[in-house]
Amino acid sequence: RATVVIRCILSMTAASEELAAANPQARIHNDVSRTFQYYLNADW
């Protein structure tokens, strides 16, 4: 999961691509949503 910022989404995608290449059978789920922001990028 990533914050809704593009640079974070693309970073997640890059790592996931390597994990998928190492194991095509792996079940990899990438997700981006504002519902995650309260812990991924918390307001003070």
PDB file of all heavy atoms in Angstrom:
ATOM      1  N   ARG A   1       0.839  -1.190   0.000  1.00  0.00           N
ATOM      2  CA  ARG A   1       0.000   0.000   0.000  1.00  0.00           C
ATOM      3  C   ARG A   1       0.877   1.243   0.000  1.00  0.00           C
ATOM      4  O   ARG A   1       1.979   1.227   0.547  1.00  0.00           O
ATOM      5  CB  ARG A   1      -0.920   0.017   1.224  1.00  0.00           C
ATOM      6  CG  ARG A   1      -1.869  -1.174   1.265  1.00  0.00           C
ATOM      7  CD  ARG A   1      -2.811  -1.118   2.441  1.00  0.00           C
ATOM      8  NE  ARG A   1      -3.755  -2.226   2.402  1.00  0.00           N
ATOM      9  CZ  ARG A   1      -4.776  -2.383   3.235  1.00  0.00           C
ATOM     10  NH1 ARG A   1      -4.989  -1.482   4.195  1.00  0.00           N
ATOM     11  NH2 ARG A   1      -5.588  -3.418   3.122  1.00  0.00           N
ATOM     12  N   ALA A   2       0.370   2.292  -0.617  1.00  0.00           N
ATOM     13  CA  ALA A   2       1.131   3.533  -0.722  1.00  0.00           C
ATOM     14  C   ALA A   2       0.249   4.723  -0.419  1.00  0.00           C
ATOM     15  O   ALA A   2      -0.978   4.662  -0.545  1.00  0.00           O
ATOM     16  CB  ALA A   2       1.730   3.676  -2.126  1.00  0.00           C
ATOM     17  N   THR A   3       0.887   5.821  -0.015  1.00  0.00           N
ATOM     18  CA  THR A   3       0.143   7.074   0.092  1.00  0.00           C
ATOM     19  C   THR A   3      -0.320   7.480  -1.307  1.00  0.00           C
ATOM     20  O   THR A   3       0.117   6.920  -2.316  1.00  0.00           O
ATOM     21  CB  THR A   3       1.007   8.193   0.693  1.00  0.00           C
ATOM     22  OG1 THR A   3       2.006   8.579  -0.260  1.00  0.00           O
ATOM     23  CG2 THR A   3       1.671   7.753   1.983  1.00  0.00           C
ATOM     24  N   VAL A   4      -1.170   8.472  -1.378  1.00  0.00           N
ATOM     25  CA  VAL A   4      -1.761   8.856  -2.657  1.00  0.00           C
ATOM     26  C   VAL A   4      -0.827   9.730  -3.494  1.00  0.00           C
ATOM     27  O   VAL A   4      -1.233  10.270  -4.518  1.00  0.00           O
ATOM     28  CB  VAL A   4      -3.096   9.594  -2.427  1.00  0.00           C
ATOM     29  CG1 VAL A   4      -4.118   8.655  -1.822  1.00  0.00           C
ATOM     30  CG2 VAL A   4      -2.898  10.824  -1.533  1.00  0.00           C
ATOM     31  N   VAL A   5       0.420   9.844  -3.089  1.00  0.00           N
ATOM     32  CA  VAL A   5       1.402  10.659  -3.804  1.00  0.00           C
ATOM     33  C   VAL A   5       2.062   9.805  -4.890  1.00  0.00           C
ATOM     34  O   VAL A   5       2.470   8.665  -4.630  1.00  0.00           O
ATOM     35  CB  VAL A   5       2.456  11.214  -2.831  1.00  0.00           C
ATOM     36  CG1 VAL A   5       3.488  12.055  -3.559  1.00  0.00           C
ATOM     37  CG2 VAL A   5       1.775  12.034  -1.735  1.00  0.00           C
ATOM     38  N   ILE A   6       2.205  10.358  -6.090  1.00  0.00           N
ATOM     39  CA  ILE A   6       2.662   9.580  -7.236  1.00  0.00           C
ATOM     40  C   ILE A   6       4.021   8.943  -6.989  1.00  0.00           C
ATOM     41  O   ILE A   6       4.251   7.778  -7.350  1.00  0.00           O
ATOM     42  CB  ILE A   6       2.709  10.470  -8.500  1.00  0.00           C
ATOM     43  CG1 ILE A   6       1.286  10.869  -8.913  1.00  0.00           C
ATOM     44  CG2 ILE A   6       3.400   9.754  -9.660  1.00  0.00           C
ATOM     45  CD1 ILE A   6       1.237  11.855 -10.061  1.00  0.00           C
ATOM     46  N   ARG A   7       4.967   9.671  -6.380  1.00  0.00           N
ATOM     47  CA  ARG A   7       6.297   9.108  -6.189  1.00  0.00           C
ATOM     48  C   ARG A   7       6.269   7.884  -5.277  1.00  0.00           C
ATOM     49  O   ARG A   7       7.104   6.987  -5.425  1.00  0.00           O
ATOM     50  CB  ARG A   7       7.257  10.166  -5.659  1.00  0.00           C
ATOM     51  CG  ARG A   7       6.882  10.795  -4.319  1.00  0.00           C
ATOM     52  CD  ARG A   7       7.863  11.901  -3.939  1.00  0.00           C
ATOM     53  NE  ARG A   7       7.488  12.592  -2.715  1.00  0.00           N
ATOM     54  CZ  ARG A   7       6.691  13.635  -2.643  1.00  0.00           C
ATOM     55  NH1 ARG A   7       6.142  14.111  -3.756  1.00  0.00           N
ATOM     56  NH2 ARG A   7       6.411  14.212  -1.488  1.00  0.00           N
ATOM     57  N   CYS A   8       5.329   7.840  -4.347  1.00  0.00           N
ATOM     58  CA  CYS A   8       5.194   6.671  -3.475  1.00  0.00           C
ATOM     59  C   CYS A   8       4.568   5.501  -4.242  1.00  0.00           C
ATOM     60  O   CYS A   8       4.995   4.346  -4.086  1.00  0.00           O
ATOM     61  CB  CYS A   8       4.350   7.022  -2.254  1.00  0.00           C
ATOM     62  SG  CYS A   8       5.050   8.337  -1.238  1.00  0.00           S
ATOM     63  N   ILE A   9       3.580   5.789  -5.058  1.00  0.00           N
ATOM     64  CA  ILE A   9       2.925   4.750  -5.857  1.00  0.00           C
ATOM     65  C   ILE A   9       3.930   4.102  -6.804  1.00  0.00           C
ATOM     66  O   ILE A   9       3.995   2.869  -6.933  1.00  0.00           O
ATOM     67  CB  ILE A   9       1.739   5.340  -6.634  1.00  0.00           C
ATOM     68  CG1 ILE A   9       0.692   5.894  -5.663  1.00  0.00           C
ATOM     69  CG2 ILE A   9       1.118   4.298  -7.556  1.00  0.00           C
ATOM     70  CD1 ILE A   9      -0.390   6.727  -6.335  1.00  0.00           C
ATOM     71  N   LEU A  10       4.745   4.921  -7.479  1.00  0.00           N
ATOM     72  CA  LEU A  10       5.727   4.383  -8.416  1.00  0.00           C
ATOM     73  C   LEU A  10       6.835   3.617  -7.702  1.00  0.00           C
ATOM     74  O   LEU A  10       7.365   2.634  -8.238  1.00  0.00           O
ATOM     75  CB  LEU A  10       6.311   5.511  -9.262  1.00  0.00           C
ATOM     76  CG  LEU A  10       5.349   6.173 -10.247  1.00  0.00           C
ATOM     77  CD1 LEU A  10       6.029   7.317 -10.980  1.00  0.00           C
ATOM     78  CD2 LEU A  10       4.797   5.152 -11.239  1.00  0.00           C
ATOM     79  N   SER A  11       7.185   4.035  -6.491  1.00  0.00           N
ATOM     80  CA  SER A  11       8.177   3.285  -5.715  1.00  0.00           C
ATOM     81  C   SER A  11       7.641   1.907  -5.356  1.00  0.00           C
ATOM     82  O   SER A  11       8.344   0.897  -5.471  1.00  0.00           O
ATOM     83  CB  SER A  11       8.535   4.061  -4.448  1.00  0.00           C
ATOM     84  OG  SER A  11       9.168   5.287  -4.762  1.00  0.00           O
ATOM     85  N   MET A  12       6.390   1.857  -4.913  1.00  0.00           N
ATOM     86  CA  MET A  12       5.738   0.576  -4.618  1.00  0.00           C
ATOM     87  C   MET A  12       5.712  -0.308  -5.862  1.00  0.00           C
ATOM     88  O   MET A  12       6.006  -1.521  -5.791  1.00  0.00           O
ATOM     89  CB  MET A  12       4.315   0.830  -4.125  1.00  0.00           C
ATOM     90  CG  MET A  12       3.472  -0.417  -3.936  1.00  0.00           C
ATOM     91  SD  MET A  12       1.780  -0.035  -3.360  1.00  0.00           S
ATOM     92  CE  MET A  12       1.090   0.767  -4.818  1.00  0.00           C
ATOM     93  N   THR A  13       5.377   0.268  -6.998  1.00  0.00           N
ATOM     94  CA  THR A  13       5.296  -0.495  -8.239  1.00  0.00           C
ATOM     95  C   THR A  13       6.647  -1.085  -8.620  1.00  0.00           C
ATOM     96  O   THR A  13       6.736  -2.246  -9.042  1.00  0.00           O
ATOM     97  CB  THR A  13       4.779   0.403  -9.377  1.00  0.00           C
ATOM     98  OG1 THR A  13       3.497   0.911  -9.020  1.00  0.00           O
ATOM     99  CG2 THR A  13       4.678  -0.354 -10.678  1.00  0.00           C
ATOM    100  N   ALA A  14       7.710  -0.299  -8.460  1.00  0.00           N
ATOM    101  CA  ALA A  14       9.044  -0.779  -8.819  1.00  0.00           C
ATOM    102  C   ALA A  14       9.435  -1.989  -7.983  1.00  0.00           C
ATOM    103  O   ALA A  14       9.935  -2.999  -8.505  1.00  0.00           O
ATOM    104  CB  ALA A  14      10.067   0.341  -8.640  1.00  0.00           C
ATOM    105  N   ALA A  15       9.215  -1.921  -6.661  1.00  0.00           N
ATOM    106  CA  ALA A  15       9.552  -3.056  -5.796  1.00  0.00           C
ATOM    107  C   ALA A  15       8.680  -4.266  -6.122  1.00  0.00           C
ATOM    108  O   ALA A  15       9.174  -5.402  -6.171  1.00  0.00           O
ATOM    109  CB  ALA A  15       9.388  -2.655  -4.335  1.00  0.00           C
ATOM    110  N   SER A  16       7.397  -4.031  -6.361  1.00  0.00           N
ATOM    111  CA  SER A  16       6.482  -5.140  -6.657  1.00  0.00           C
ATOM    112  C   SER A  16       6.853  -5.841  -7.954  1.00  0.00           C
ATOM    113  O   SER A  16       6.697  -7.064  -8.083  1.00  0.00           O
ATOM    114  CB  SER A  16       5.043  -4.629  -6.720  1.00  0.00           C
ATOM    115  OG  SER A  16       4.632  -4.128  -5.460  1.00  0.00           O
ATOM    116  N   GLU A  17       7.335  -5.093  -8.929  1.00  0.00           N
ATOM    117  CA  GLU A  17       7.762  -5.698 -10.189  1.00  0.00           C
ATOM    118  C   GLU A  17       8.896  -6.692  -9.964  1.00  0.00           C
ATOM    119  O   GLU A  17       8.925  -7.773 -10.577  1.00  0.00           O
ATOM    120  CB  GLU A  17       8.197  -4.615 -11.174  1.00  0.00           C
ATOM    121  CG  GLU A  17       7.041  -3.812 -11.757  1.00  0.00           C
ATOM    122  CD  GLU A  17       7.490  -2.656 -12.613  1.00  0.00           C
ATOM    123  OE1 GLU A  17       8.713  -2.364 -12.629  1.00  0.00           O
ATOM    124  OE2 GLU A  17       6.626  -2.041 -13.269  1.00  0.00           O
ATOM    125  N   GLU A  18       9.817  -6.352  -9.081  1.00  0.00           N
ATOM    126  CA  GLU A  18      10.929  -7.271  -8.791  1.00  0.00           C
ATOM    127  C   GLU A  18      10.444  -8.509  -8.047  1.00  0.00           C
ATOM    128  O   GLU A  18      10.911  -9.625  -8.311  1.00  0.00           O
ATOM    129  CB  GLU A  18      12.007  -6.556  -7.977  1.00  0.00           C
ATOM    130  CG  GLU A  18      12.729  -5.458  -8.737  1.00  0.00           C
ATOM    131  CD  GLU A  18      13.561  -5.985  -9.898  1.00  0.00           C
ATOM    132  OE1 GLU A  18      13.919  -7.187  -9.902  1.00  0.00           O
ATOM    133  OE2 GLU A  18      13.849  -5.192 -10.817  1.00  0.00           O
ATOM    134  N   LEU A  19       9.509  -8.331  -7.120  1.00  0.00           N
ATOM    135  CA  LEU A  19       8.981  -9.481  -6.387  1.00  0.00           C
ATOM    136  C   LEU A  19       8.215 -10.401  -7.320  1.00  0.00           C
ATOM    137  O   LEU A  19       8.300 -11.637  -7.210  1.00  0.00           O
ATOM    138  CB  LEU A  19       8.095  -9.005  -5.241  1.00  0.00           C
ATOM    139  CG  LEU A  19       8.795  -8.155  -4.162  1.00  0.00           C
ATOM    140  CD1 LEU A  19       7.785  -7.695  -3.118  1.00  0.00           C
ATOM    141  CD2 LEU A  19       9.924  -8.941  -3.498  1.00  0.00           C
ATOM    142  N   ALA A  20       7.469  -9.818  -8.255  1.00  0.00           N
ATOM    143  CA  ALA A  20       6.732 -10.630  -9.220  1.00  0.00           C
ATOM    144  C   ALA A  20       7.677 -11.362 -10.164  1.00  0.00           C
ATOM    145  O   ALA A  20       7.438 -12.517 -10.546  1.00  0.00           O
ATOM    146  CB  ALA A  20       5.772  -9.750 -10.012  1.00  0.00           C
ATOM    147  N   ALA A  21       8.770 -10.699 -10.550  1.00  0.00           N
ATOM    148  CA  ALA A  21       9.749 -11.349 -11.425  1.00  0.00           C
ATOM    149  C   ALA A  21      10.425 -12.519 -10.722  1.00  0.00           C
ATOM    150  O   ALA A  21      10.709 -13.550 -11.344  1.00  0.00           O
ATOM    151  CB  ALA A  21      10.791 -10.336 -11.880  1.00  0.00           C
ATOM    152  N   ALA A  22      10.676 -12.362  -9.403  1.00  0.00           N
ATOM    153  CA  ALA A  22      11.321 -13.433  -8.649  1.00  0.00           C
ATOM    154  C   ALA A  22      10.379 -14.606  -8.415  1.00  0.00           C
ATOM    155  O   ALA A  22      10.828 -15.757  -8.277  1.00  0.00           O
ATOM    156  CB  ALA A  22      11.823 -12.890  -7.310  1.00  0.00           C
ATOM    157  N   ASN A  23       9.075 -14.338  -8.369  1.00  0.00           N
ATOM    158  CA  ASN A  23       8.094 -15.400  -8.089  1.00  0.00           C
ATOM    159  C   ASN A  23       6.784 -15.089  -8.812  1.00  0.00           C
ATOM    160  O   ASN A  23       5.894 -14.448  -8.246  1.00  0.00           O
ATOM    161  CB  ASN A  23       7.862 -15.517  -6.582  1.00  0.00           C
ATOM    162  CG  ASN A  23       6.879 -16.621  -6.234  1.00  0.00           C
ATOM    163  OD1 ASN A  23       6.465 -17.402  -7.089  1.00  0.00           O
ATOM    164  ND2 ASN A  23       6.492 -16.681  -4.962  1.00  0.00           N
ATOM    165  N   PRO A  24       6.655 -15.535 -10.053  1.00  0.00           N
ATOM    166  CA  PRO A  24       5.423 -15.262 -10.807  1.00  0.00           C
ATOM    167  C   PRO A  24       4.175 -15.852 -10.158  1.00  0.00           C
ATOM    168  O   PRO A  24       3.059 -15.426 -10.479  1.00  0.00           O
ATOM    169  CB  PRO A  24       5.694 -15.924 -12.161  1.00  0.00           C
ATOM    170  CG  PRO A  24       7.185 -15.972 -12.270  1.00  0.00           C
ATOM    171  CD  PRO A  24       7.669 -16.201 -10.864  1.00  0.00           C
ATOM    172  N   GLN A  25       4.344 -16.820  -9.246  1.00  0.00           N
ATOM    173  CA  GLN A  25       3.187 -17.426  -8.577  1.00  0.00           C
ATOM    174  C   GLN A  25       2.699 -16.619  -7.383  1.00  0.00           C
ATOM    175  O   GLN A  25       1.610 -16.879  -6.862  1.00  0.00           O
ATOM    176  CB  GLN A  25       3.540 -18.840  -8.110  1.00  0.00           C
ATOM    177  CG  GLN A  25       3.808 -19.824  -9.231  1.00  0.00           C
ATOM    178  CD  GLN A  25       4.192 -21.182  -8.677  1.00  0.00           C
ATOM    179  OE1 GLN A  25       5.287 -21.374  -8.130  1.00  0.00           O
ATOM    180  NE2 GLN A  25       3.271 -22.144  -8.788  1.00  0.00           N
ATOM    181  N   ALA A  26       3.504 -15.664  -6.941  1.00  0.00           N
ATOM    182  CA  ALA A  26       3.124 -14.883  -5.759  1.00  0.00           C
ATOM    183  C   ALA A  26       1.862 -14.075  -6.026  1.00  0.00           C
ATOM    184  O   ALA A  26       1.645 -13.571  -7.132  1.00  0.00           O
ATOM    185  CB  ALA A  26       4.263 -13.952  -5.358  1.00  0.00           C
ATOM    186  N   ARG A  27       1.044 -13.964  -4.984  1.00  0.00           N
ATOM    187  CA  ARG A  27      -0.153 -13.129  -5.065  1.00  0.00           C
ATOM    188  C   ARG A  27       0.193 -11.762  -4.499  1.00  0.00           C
ATOM    189  O   ARG A  27       0.323 -11.602  -3.286  1.00  0.00           O
ATOM    190  CB  ARG A  27      -1.301 -13.776  -4.307  1.00  0.00           C
ATOM    191  CG  ARG A  27      -1.888 -14.991  -5.009  1.00  0.00           C
ATOM    192  CD  ARG A  27      -2.970 -15.639  -4.183  1.00  0.00           C
ATOM    193  NE  ARG A  27      -2.392 -16.368  -3.044  1.00  0.00           N
ATOM    194  CZ  ARG A  27      -3.097 -16.857  -2.034  1.00  0.00           C
ATOM    195  NH1 ARG A  27      -4.412 -16.667  -1.982  1.00  0.00           N
ATOM    196  NH2 ARG A  27      -2.506 -17.517  -1.071  1.00  0.00           N
ATOM    197  N   ILE A  28       0.383 -10.805  -5.400  1.00  0.00           N
ATOM    198  CA  ILE A  28       0.815  -9.461  -5.015  1.00  0.00           C
ATOM    199  C   ILE A  28      -0.319  -8.490  -5.264  1.00  0.00           C
ATOM    200  O   ILE A  28      -0.824  -8.381  -6.386  1.00  0.00           O
ATOM    201  CB  ILE A  28       2.068  -9.045  -5.807  1.00  0.00           C
ATOM    202  CG1 ILE A  28       3.216 -10.035  -5.541  1.00  0.00           C
ATOM    203  CG2 ILE A  28       2.486  -7.622  -5.428  1.00  0.00           C
ATOM    204  CD1 ILE A  28       4.456  -9.777  -6.382  1.00  0.00           C
ATOM    205  N   HIS A  29      -0.712  -7.791  -4.210  1.00  0.00           N
ATOM    206  CA  HIS A  29      -1.825  -6.841  -4.293  1.00  0.00           C
ATOM    207  C   HIS A  29      -1.307  -5.461  -3.967  1.00  0.00           C
ATOM    208  O   HIS A  29      -0.835  -5.193  -2.862  1.00  0.00           O
ATOM    209  CB  HIS A  29      -2.925  -7.234  -3.307  1.00  0.00           C
ATOM    210  CG  HIS A  29      -4.059  -6.249  -3.256  1.00  0.00           C
ATOM    211  ND1 HIS A  29      -4.848  -5.947  -4.342  1.00  0.00           N
ATOM    212  CD2 HIS A  29      -4.536  -5.489  -2.230  1.00  0.00           C
ATOM    213  CE1 HIS A  29      -5.767  -5.063  -4.004  1.00  0.00           C
ATOM    214  NE2 HIS A  29      -5.588  -4.767  -2.727  1.00  0.00           N
ATOM    215  N   ASN A  30      -1.341  -4.548  -4.933  1.00  0.00           N
ATOM    216  CA  ASN A  30      -0.986  -3.144  -4.730  1.00  0.00           C
ATOM    217  C   ASN A  30      -2.256  -2.325  -4.563  1.00  0.00           C
ATOM    218  O   ASN A  30      -3.207  -2.488  -5.331  1.00  0.00           O
ATOM    219  CB  ASN A  30      -0.200  -2.607  -5.922  1.00  0.00           C
ATOM    220  CG  ASN A  30       1.212  -3.169  -5.990  1.00  0.00           C
ATOM    221  OD1 ASN A  30       1.641  -3.891  -5.102  1.00  0.00           O
ATOM    222  ND2 ASN A  30       1.935  -2.843  -7.050  1.00  0.00           N
ATOM    223  N   ASP A  31      -2.243  -1.414  -3.605  1.00  0.00           N
ATOM    224  CA  ASP A  31      -3.454  -0.644  -3.342  1.00  0.00           C
ATOM    225  C   ASP A  31      -3.083   0.778  -2.932  1.00  0.00           C
ATOM    226  O   ASP A  31      -2.073   1.011  -2.257  1.00  0.00           O
ATOM    227  CB  ASP A  31      -4.270  -1.311  -2.234  1.00  0.00           C
ATOM    228  CG  ASP A  31      -5.750  -0.928  -2.285  1.00  0.00           C
ATOM    229  OD1 ASP A  31      -6.119  -0.067  -3.111  1.00  0.00           O
ATOM    230  OD2 ASP A  31      -6.533  -1.493  -1.511  1.00  0.00           O
ATOM    231  N   VAL A  32      -3.913   1.717  -3.356  1.00  0.00           N
ATOM    232  CA  VAL A  32      -3.757   3.123  -3.003  1.00  0.00           C
ATOM    233  C   VAL A  32      -5.135   3.676  -2.699  1.00  0.00           C
ATOM    234  O   VAL A  32      -6.057   3.531  -3.496  1.00  0.00           O
ATOM    235  CB  VAL A  32      -3.125   3.923  -4.158  1.00  0.00           C
ATOM    236  CG1 VAL A  32      -3.003   5.398  -3.774  1.00  0.00           C
ATOM    237  CG2 VAL A  32      -1.768   3.353  -4.539  1.00  0.00           C
ATOM    238  N   SER A  33      -5.286   4.285  -1.531  1.00  0.00           N
ATOM    239  CA  SER A  33      -6.581   4.851  -1.160  1.00  0.00           C
ATOM    240  C   SER A  33      -6.383   5.865  -0.047  1.00  0.00           C
ATOM    241  O   SER A  33      -5.491   5.716   0.799  1.00  0.00           O
ATOM    242  CB  SER A  33      -7.535   3.754  -0.673  1.00  0.00           C
ATOM    243  OG  SER A  33      -8.713   4.323  -0.132  1.00  0.00           O
ATOM    244  N   ARG A  34      -7.212   6.878  -0.039  1.00  0.00           N
ATOM    245  CA  ARG A  34      -7.146   7.854   1.047  1.00  0.00           C
ATOM    246  C   ARG A  34      -7.552   7.238   2.379  1.00  0.00           C
ATOM    247  O   ARG A  34      -7.235   7.802   3.432  1.00  0.00           O
ATOM    248  CB  ARG A  34      -8.032   9.057   0.717  1.00  0.00           C
ATOM    249  CG  ARG A  34      -7.540   9.840  -0.492  1.00  0.00           C
ATOM    250  CD  ARG A  34      -8.250  11.172  -0.660  1.00  0.00           C
ATOM    251  NE  ARG A  34      -7.760  11.856  -1.851  1.00  0.00           N
ATOM    252  CZ  ARG A  34      -6.631  12.556  -1.914  1.00  0.00           C
ATOM    253  NH1 ARG A  34      -5.869  12.674  -0.825  1.00  0.00           N
ATOM    254  NH2 ARG A  34      -6.260  13.140  -3.035  1.00  0.00           N
ATOM    255  N   THR A  35      -8.214   6.093   2.349  1.00  0.00           N
ATOM    256  CA  THR A  35      -8.606   5.458   3.608  1.00  0.00           C
ATOM    257  C   THR A  35      -7.399   4.943   4.385  1.00  0.00           C
ATOM    258  O   THR A  35      -7.509   4.663   5.575  1.00  0.00           O
ATOM    259  CB  THR A  35      -9.572   4.284   3.350  1.00  0.00           C
ATOM    260  OG1 THR A  35      -8.927   3.310   2.515  1.00  0.00           O
ATOM    261  CG2 THR A  35     -10.833   4.765   2.684  1.00  0.00           C
ATOM    262  N   PHE A  36      -6.246   4.796   3.726  1.00  0.00           N
ATOM    263  CA  PHE A  36      -5.039   4.329   4.405  1.00  0.00           C
ATOM    264  C   PHE A  36      -4.210   5.465   4.987  1.00  0.00           C
ATOM    265  O   PHE A  36      -3.248   5.216   5.713  1.00  0.00           O
ATOM    266  CB  PHE A  36      -4.123   3.560   3.439  1.00  0.00           C
ATOM    267  CG  PHE A  36      -4.789   2.484   2.645  1.00  0.00           C
ATOM    268  CD1 PHE A  36      -4.374   2.223   1.345  1.00  0.00           C
ATOM    269  CD2 PHE A  36      -5.815   1.723   3.183  1.00  0.00           C
ATOM    270  CE1 PHE A  36      -4.973   1.232   0.601  1.00  0.00           C
ATOM    271  CE2 PHE A  36      -6.428   0.728   2.442  1.00  0.00           C
ATOM    272  CZ  PHE A  36      -6.002   0.486   1.148  1.00  0.00           C
ATOM    273  N   GLN A  37      -4.543   6.697   4.629  1.00  0.00           N
ATOM    274  CA  GLN A  37      -3.654   7.812   4.945  1.00  0.00           C
ATOM    275  C   GLN A  37      -3.522   8.057   6.443  1.00  0.00           C
ATOM    276  O   GLN A  37      -2.521   8.619   6.886  1.00  0.00           O
ATOM    277  CB  GLN A  37      -4.130   9.081   4.242  1.00  0.00           C
ATOM    278  CG  GLN A  37      -4.220   8.948   2.726  1.00  0.00           C
ATOM    279  CD  GLN A  37      -2.994   8.327   2.095  1.00  0.00           C
ATOM    280  OE1 GLN A  37      -1.919   8.909   2.109  1.00  0.00           O
ATOM    281  NE2 GLN A  37      -3.131   7.117   1.543  1.00  0.00           N
ATOM    282  N   TYR A  38      -4.508   7.643   7.231  1.00  0.00           N
ATOM    283  CA  TYR A  38      -4.450   7.942   8.662  1.00  0.00           C
ATOM    284  C   TYR A  38      -3.266   7.252   9.338  1.00  0.00           C
ATOM    285  O   TYR A  38      -2.798   7.700  10.389  1.00  0.00           O
ATOM    286  CB  TYR A  38      -5.764   7.545   9.359  1.00  0.00           C
ATOM    287  CG  TYR A  38      -5.928   6.057   9.618  1.00  0.00           C
ATOM    288  CD1 TYR A  38      -5.555   5.505  10.838  1.00  0.00           C
ATOM    289  CD2 TYR A  38      -6.440   5.220   8.641  1.00  0.00           C
ATOM    290  CE1 TYR A  38      -5.700   4.140  11.072  1.00  0.00           C
ATOM    291  CE2 TYR A  38      -6.591   3.861   8.864  1.00  0.00           C
ATOM    292  CZ  TYR A  38      -6.216   3.331  10.076  1.00  0.00           C
ATOM    293  OH  TYR A  38      -6.358   1.982  10.306  1.00  0.00           O
ATOM    294  N   TYR A  39      -2.769   6.180   8.733  1.00  0.00           N
ATOM    295  CA  TYR A  39      -1.558   5.572   9.301  1.00  0.00           C
ATOM    296  C   TYR A  39      -0.352   5.637   8.363  1.00  0.00           C
ATOM    297  O   TYR A  39       0.792   5.601   8.819  1.00  0.00           O
ATOM    298  CB  TYR A  39      -1.810   4.124   9.743  1.00  0.00           C
ATOM    299  CG  TYR A  39      -2.085   3.130   8.642  1.00  0.00           C
ATOM    300  CD1 TYR A  39      -1.050   2.492   7.967  1.00  0.00           C
ATOM    301  CD2 TYR A  39      -3.394   2.779   8.304  1.00  0.00           C
ATOM    302  CE1 TYR A  39      -1.304   1.552   6.967  1.00  0.00           C
ATOM    303  CE2 TYR A  39      -3.662   1.840   7.312  1.00  0.00           C
ATOM    304  CZ  TYR A  39      -2.608   1.234   6.649  1.00  0.00           C
ATOM    305  OH  TYR A  39      -2.870   0.301   5.668  1.00  0.00           O
ATOM    306  N   LEU A  40      -0.566   5.740   7.045  1.00  0.00           N
ATOM    307  CA  LEU A  40       0.562   5.832   6.122  1.00  0.00           C
ATOM    308  C   LEU A  40       1.183   7.219   6.091  1.00  0.00           C
ATOM    309  O   LEU A  40       2.384   7.369   5.839  1.00  0.00           O
ATOM    310  CB  LEU A  40       0.127   5.452   4.700  1.00  0.00           C
ATOM    311  CG  LEU A  40      -0.140   3.976   4.423  1.00  0.00           C
ATOM    312  CD1 LEU A  40      -0.561   3.788   2.972  1.00  0.00           C
ATOM    313  CD2 LEU A  40       1.093   3.128   4.728  1.00  0.00           C
ATOM    314  N   ASN A  41       0.382   8.240   6.358  1.00  0.00           N
ATOM    315  CA  ASN A  41       0.881   9.617   6.340  1.00  0.00           C
ATOM    316  C   ASN A  41       0.014  10.437   7.284  1.00  0.00           C
ATOM    317  O   ASN A  41      -0.754  11.307   6.868  1.00  0.00           O
ATOM    318  CB  ASN A  41       0.840  10.187   4.924  1.00  0.00           C
ATOM    319  CG  ASN A  41       1.593  11.489   4.785  1.00  0.00           C
ATOM    320  OD1 ASN A  41       2.339  11.894   5.661  1.00  0.00           O
ATOM    321  ND2 ASN A  41       1.387  12.168   3.661  1.00  0.00           N
ATOM    322  N   ALA A  42       0.143  10.161   8.551  1.00  0.00           N
ATOM    323  CA  ALA A  42      -0.789  10.668   9.559  1.00  0.00           C
ATOM    324  C   ALA A  42      -0.697  12.173   9.737  1.00  0.00           C
ATOM    325  O   ALA A  42       0.397  12.760   9.717  1.00  0.00           O
ATOM    326  CB  ALA A  42      -0.513   9.976  10.897  1.00  0.00           C
ATOM    327  N   ASP A  43      -1.869  12.793   9.913  1.00  0.00           N
ATOM    328  CA  ASP A  43      -1.906  14.185  10.348  1.00  0.00           C
ATOM    329  C   ASP A  43      -1.500  14.249  11.815  1.00  0.00           C
ATOM    330  O   ASP A  43      -1.830  13.361  12.612  1.00  0.00           O
ATOM    331  CB  ASP A  43      -3.320  14.756  10.199  1.00  0.00           C
ATOM    332  CG  ASP A  43      -3.710  14.942   8.744  1.00  0.00           C
ATOM    333  OD1 ASP A  43      -2.808  15.162   7.913  1.00  0.00           O
ATOM    334  OD2 ASP A  43      -4.918  14.853   8.445  1.00  0.00           O
ATOM    335  N   TRP A  44      -0.801  15.310  12.174  1.00  0.00           N
ATOM    336  CA  TRP A  44      -0.375  15.450  13.563  1.00  0.00           C
ATOM    337  C   TRP A  44      -1.556  15.834  14.454  1.00  0.00           C
ATOM    338  O   TRP A  44      -2.410  16.633  14.057  1.00  0.00           O
ATOM    339  CB  TRP A  44       0.699  16.525  13.670  1.00  0.00           C
ATOM    340  CG  TRP A  44       2.044  16.079  13.190  1.00  0.00           C
ATOM    341  CD1 TRP A  44       2.301  15.212  12.172  1.00  0.00           C
ATOM    342  CD2 TRP A  44       3.301  16.491  13.702  1.00  0.00           C
ATOM    343  NE1 TRP A  44       3.651  15.060  12.021  1.00  0.00           N
ATOM    344  CE2 TRP A  44       4.297  15.823  12.947  1.00  0.00           C
ATOM    345  CE3 TRP A  44       3.697  17.344  14.717  1.00  0.00           C
ATOM    346  CZ2 TRP A  44       5.660  16.002  13.191  1.00  0.00           C
ATOM    347  CZ3 TRP A  44       5.051  17.521  14.952  1.00  0.00           C
ATOM    348  CH2 TRP A  44       6.019  16.858  14.202  1.00  0.00           C
TER     349      TRP A  44
END
